[in-house]
Amino acid sequence: MKGGEIMVIVKLGLKGKSPDQKVTYGVQVKTKMTGNTYFPDAATVLSDLGTAAGALNSAIENPLSTAATIKEKELKFNVKLKAVVAHVQSVINEVSDDVALDMLSTTGLDPRRNGSVNIAVLSAKQGTEANSVIVRSKAQRKRVTYVFQICTSSPELEKSWTTVKISGKAKVVITGLISGTKYYFRVAIIRSDVQESFSDPISIIVE
């Protein structure tokens, strides 16, 4: 899986965490990933994360630390965790969705936590044919029908959308587009004859 077809996106997972919770989170990630066979080249980013977590923890426990000092250490911790997340993302980009999620479960990045792991519903990339785009929805385990819609402006308005493909496959090729034009796409799933809500739109400029 490459480019626009990558569906699993790793996020920091720091939203709503206090500084001491971040330390616990960072230590958990470092412990889980140290010696992890899925991520054999992560030693440098994990070492940096461990150092940043230790510095943040020391600042928290030091009664003489000011709020500014703790904030400085917290921001440095965020940067180091971001480097770990970027490393994990680069590795899972090369595998399928299911395998990526299995790998993520070994990192300490909690997939159940809101904001930690996001499964994108839809992706788009340039097609191999001229003026075409490949649009891919997250595949469902059971047989469903996918309704793909398109618009060129005002995606927030329902009347702007036109159904361009109805397919039993999660990936379709949209042809006959205009080079240099920005297109928006969204998808809805029909399951047991009931159409679910449309996904959030994504956009791409046709080359």
Protein backbone atom coordinates (compact mmCIF):
# COMPACT_ATOMS: atom_id res chain seq x y z
CA MET A 1 0.00 0.00 0.00
CA LYS A 2 1.46 3.35 -1.05
CA GLY A 3 0.52 7.03 -1.19
CA GLY A 4 -3.18 7.78 -1.06
CA GLU A 5 -4.09 4.14 -0.45
CA ILE A 6 -2.66 4.16 3.10
CA MET A 7 -5.63 3.90 5.44
CA VAL A 8 -4.10 3.59 8.91
CA ILE A 9 -2.81 6.88 10.31
CA VAL A 10 -0.94 7.05 13.61
CA LYS A 11 -1.49 10.14 15.77
CA LEU A 12 0.23 11.33 18.92
CA GLY A 13 -2.61 10.36 21.24
CA LEU A 14 -1.72 13.18 23.66
CA LYS A 15 -5.00 15.05 23.57
CA GLY A 16 -6.29 15.69 27.09
CA LYS A 17 -3.23 14.19 28.82
CA SER A 18 -1.62 16.03 31.74
CA PRO A 19 2.20 16.20 31.93
CA ASP A 20 2.42 13.27 34.36
CA GLN A 21 0.11 11.20 32.17
CA LYS A 22 2.37 11.98 29.21
CA VAL A 23 5.36 10.62 31.14
CA THR A 24 3.48 7.38 31.82
CA TYR A 25 2.42 7.18 28.18
CA GLY A 26 5.97 7.78 26.92
CA VAL A 27 7.47 5.16 29.23
CA GLN A 28 4.81 2.68 28.10
CA VAL A 29 5.60 3.29 24.44
CA LYS A 30 9.37 3.01 24.99
CA THR A 31 8.97 -0.21 26.99
CA LYS A 32 6.64 -1.80 24.44
CA MET A 33 8.79 -0.89 21.46
CA THR A 34 12.21 -1.72 22.91
CA GLY A 35 13.22 -4.99 21.28
CA ASN A 36 10.00 -5.01 19.25
CA THR A 37 10.71 -7.09 16.13
CA TYR A 38 8.24 -5.05 14.07
CA PHE A 39 10.32 -1.90 14.61
CA PRO A 40 13.99 -2.98 14.74
CA ASP A 41 15.34 0.44 13.71
CA ALA A 42 13.59 2.49 16.39
CA ALA A 43 16.45 2.60 18.93
CA THR A 44 17.42 6.24 18.37
CA VAL A 45 13.91 7.70 18.57
CA LEU A 46 13.10 5.51 21.58
CA SER A 47 16.25 6.64 23.39
CA ASP A 48 15.35 10.28 22.74
CA LEU A 49 11.81 9.63 23.97
CA GLY A 50 13.11 8.03 27.17
CA THR A 51 15.40 11.00 27.84
CA ALA A 52 12.57 13.47 27.24
CA ALA A 53 10.20 11.53 29.49
CA GLY A 54 12.81 11.47 32.23
CA ALA A 55 13.43 15.20 31.96
CA LEU A 56 9.71 15.95 32.08
CA ASN A 57 9.25 13.69 35.09
CA SER A 58 12.15 15.35 36.92
CA ALA A 59 10.63 18.76 36.29
CA ILE A 60 7.25 17.59 37.58
CA GLU A 61 8.73 16.12 40.76
CA ASN A 62 11.02 19.09 41.49
CA PRO A 63 9.15 21.42 43.89
CA LEU A 64 11.23 24.34 42.60
CA SER A 65 10.12 23.86 38.99
CA THR A 66 8.05 26.65 37.52
CA ALA A 67 5.08 26.13 35.23
CA ALA A 68 7.22 27.49 32.38
CA THR A 69 9.93 24.90 33.02
CA ILE A 70 7.44 22.03 33.03
CA LYS A 71 5.85 23.39 29.84
CA GLU A 72 9.24 23.55 28.14
CA LYS A 73 10.00 19.92 29.03
CA GLU A 74 6.49 18.90 28.00
CA LEU A 75 6.89 20.46 24.55
CA LYS A 76 10.23 18.69 24.07
CA PHE A 77 8.57 15.41 25.08
CA ASN A 78 5.82 16.01 22.49
CA VAL A 79 8.46 16.47 19.78
CA LYS A 80 10.25 13.25 20.70
CA LEU A 81 7.01 11.25 20.78
CA LYS A 82 6.12 12.72 17.38
CA ALA A 83 9.40 11.30 16.04
CA VAL A 84 8.43 7.85 17.34
CA VAL A 85 5.01 8.15 15.74
CA ALA A 86 6.60 9.18 12.43
CA HIS A 87 8.86 6.12 12.57
CA VAL A 88 5.93 3.80 13.27
CA GLN A 89 3.95 5.39 10.43
CA SER A 90 6.81 4.87 7.97
CA VAL A 91 6.94 1.17 8.84
CA ILE A 92 3.21 0.42 8.75
CA ASN A 93 2.86 2.23 5.42
CA GLU A 94 4.29 -0.87 3.81
CA VAL A 95 1.72 -3.36 5.12
CA SER A 96 -2.01 -4.00 4.89
CA ASP A 97 -4.53 -2.37 7.25
CA ASP A 98 -5.08 -5.46 9.37
CA VAL A 99 -1.36 -6.13 9.78
CA ALA A 100 -0.75 -2.44 10.57
CA LEU A 101 -3.29 -2.55 13.38
CA ASP A 102 -1.72 -5.72 14.76
CA MET A 103 1.67 -4.01 14.71
CA LEU A 104 0.28 -0.89 16.39
CA SER A 105 -1.15 -2.96 19.21
CA THR A 106 2.45 -3.85 20.18
CA THR A 107 3.69 -0.25 20.40
CA GLY A 108 1.90 1.02 23.49
CA LEU A 109 0.02 3.54 21.33
CA ASP A 110 -3.46 2.67 22.57
CA PRO A 111 -5.75 2.03 19.54
CA ARG A 112 -8.83 2.39 21.75
CA ARG A 113 -7.99 5.92 22.81
CA ASN A 114 -9.71 8.67 20.84
CA GLY A 115 -7.12 10.38 18.68
CA SER A 116 -4.45 7.70 18.96
CA VAL A 117 -5.24 5.73 15.84
CA ASN A 118 -7.54 6.84 13.07
CA ILE A 119 -8.81 4.58 10.30
CA ALA A 120 -9.42 6.86 7.36
CA VAL A 121 -12.68 6.05 5.61
CA LEU A 122 -11.63 7.26 2.18
CA SER A 123 -8.52 8.03 0.15
CA ALA A 124 -7.80 9.31 -3.36
CA LYS A 125 -4.76 9.36 -5.61
CA GLN A 126 -3.94 10.05 -9.24
CA GLY A 127 -4.96 7.28 -11.62
CA THR A 128 -2.72 5.68 -14.21
CA GLU A 129 -4.97 6.94 -17.00
CA ALA A 130 -4.96 10.61 -17.98
CA ASN A 131 -7.48 12.73 -16.05
CA SER A 132 -8.44 9.93 -13.68
CA VAL A 133 -8.47 9.39 -9.93
CA ILE A 134 -8.46 6.17 -7.91
CA VAL A 135 -10.83 6.46 -4.95
CA ARG A 136 -10.65 3.84 -2.23
CA SER A 137 -12.94 3.28 0.74
CA LYS A 138 -12.01 1.24 3.78
CA ALA A 139 -13.09 -2.27 2.85
CA GLN A 140 -15.81 -3.89 4.92
CA ARG A 141 -15.56 -7.50 6.09
CA LYS A 142 -19.06 -8.34 4.85
CA ARG A 143 -20.38 -7.76 1.36
CA VAL A 144 -21.78 -4.25 1.01
CA THR A 145 -22.42 -1.69 -1.73
CA TYR A 146 -20.36 1.51 -1.93
CA VAL A 147 -21.92 4.76 -3.15
CA PHE A 148 -19.22 7.19 -4.35
CA GLN A 149 -20.12 10.85 -4.84
CA ILE A 150 -18.22 13.77 -6.36
CA CYS A 151 -18.39 17.56 -6.36
CA THR A 152 -16.15 20.40 -7.52
CA SER A 153 -17.16 23.16 -5.12
CA SER A 154 -19.03 23.86 -1.86
CA PRO A 155 -18.78 20.33 -0.41
CA GLU A 156 -20.66 21.56 2.66
CA LEU A 157 -23.81 21.90 0.52
CA GLU A 158 -25.76 18.69 -0.05
CA LYS A 159 -26.96 19.83 -3.47
CA SER A 160 -23.36 20.06 -4.72
CA TRP A 161 -22.89 16.30 -4.68
CA THR A 162 -23.47 13.89 -7.57
CA THR A 163 -23.31 10.10 -7.44
CA VAL A 164 -20.51 9.05 -9.76
CA LYS A 165 -20.18 5.31 -9.01
CA ILE A 166 -22.16 2.61 -7.24
CA SER A 167 -20.01 -0.46 -6.80
CA GLY A 168 -19.62 -3.67 -4.88
CA LYS A 169 -15.88 -2.94 -4.69
CA ALA A 170 -14.17 -0.61 -2.23
CA LYS A 171 -11.84 0.82 -4.90
CA VAL A 172 -13.04 2.51 -8.08
CA VAL A 173 -11.46 4.52 -10.89
CA ILE A 174 -13.13 7.82 -11.75
CA THR A 175 -12.31 8.92 -15.31
CA GLY A 176 -13.10 11.88 -17.55
CA LEU A 177 -11.98 14.49 -15.02
CA ILE A 178 -10.45 17.88 -15.86
CA SER A 179 -6.74 18.47 -15.26
CA GLY A 180 -6.02 21.19 -12.72
CA THR A 181 -9.47 20.96 -11.14
CA LYS A 182 -9.98 20.25 -7.45
CA TYR A 183 -12.47 17.44 -6.86
CA TYR A 184 -14.11 16.34 -3.62
CA PHE A 185 -15.15 12.75 -2.97
CA ARG A 186 -17.20 11.00 -0.30
CA VAL A 187 -18.64 7.53 0.17
CA ALA A 188 -21.62 5.90 1.83
CA ILE A 189 -22.17 2.22 2.46
CA ILE A 190 -25.37 0.35 1.75
CA ARG A 191 -25.72 -2.49 4.22
CA SER A 192 -28.80 -4.75 4.33
CA ASP A 193 -30.57 -2.35 1.92
CA VAL A 194 -30.01 0.58 4.29
CA GLN A 195 -27.71 3.40 3.20
CA GLU A 196 -25.51 4.74 5.98
CA SER A 197 -24.32 8.35 6.32
CA PHE A 198 -21.73 9.71 3.91
CA SER A 199 -18.13 9.98 5.02
CA ASP A 200 -16.33 13.27 5.51
CA PRO A 201 -15.15 14.53 2.11
CA ILE A 202 -11.60 14.34 0.84
CA SER A 203 -10.14 16.35 -2.02
CA ILE A 204 -7.54 16.00 -4.75
CA ILE A 205 -6.38 18.20 -7.65
CA VAL A 206 -6.24 16.22 -10.86
CA GLU A 207 -2.85 16.40 -12.55
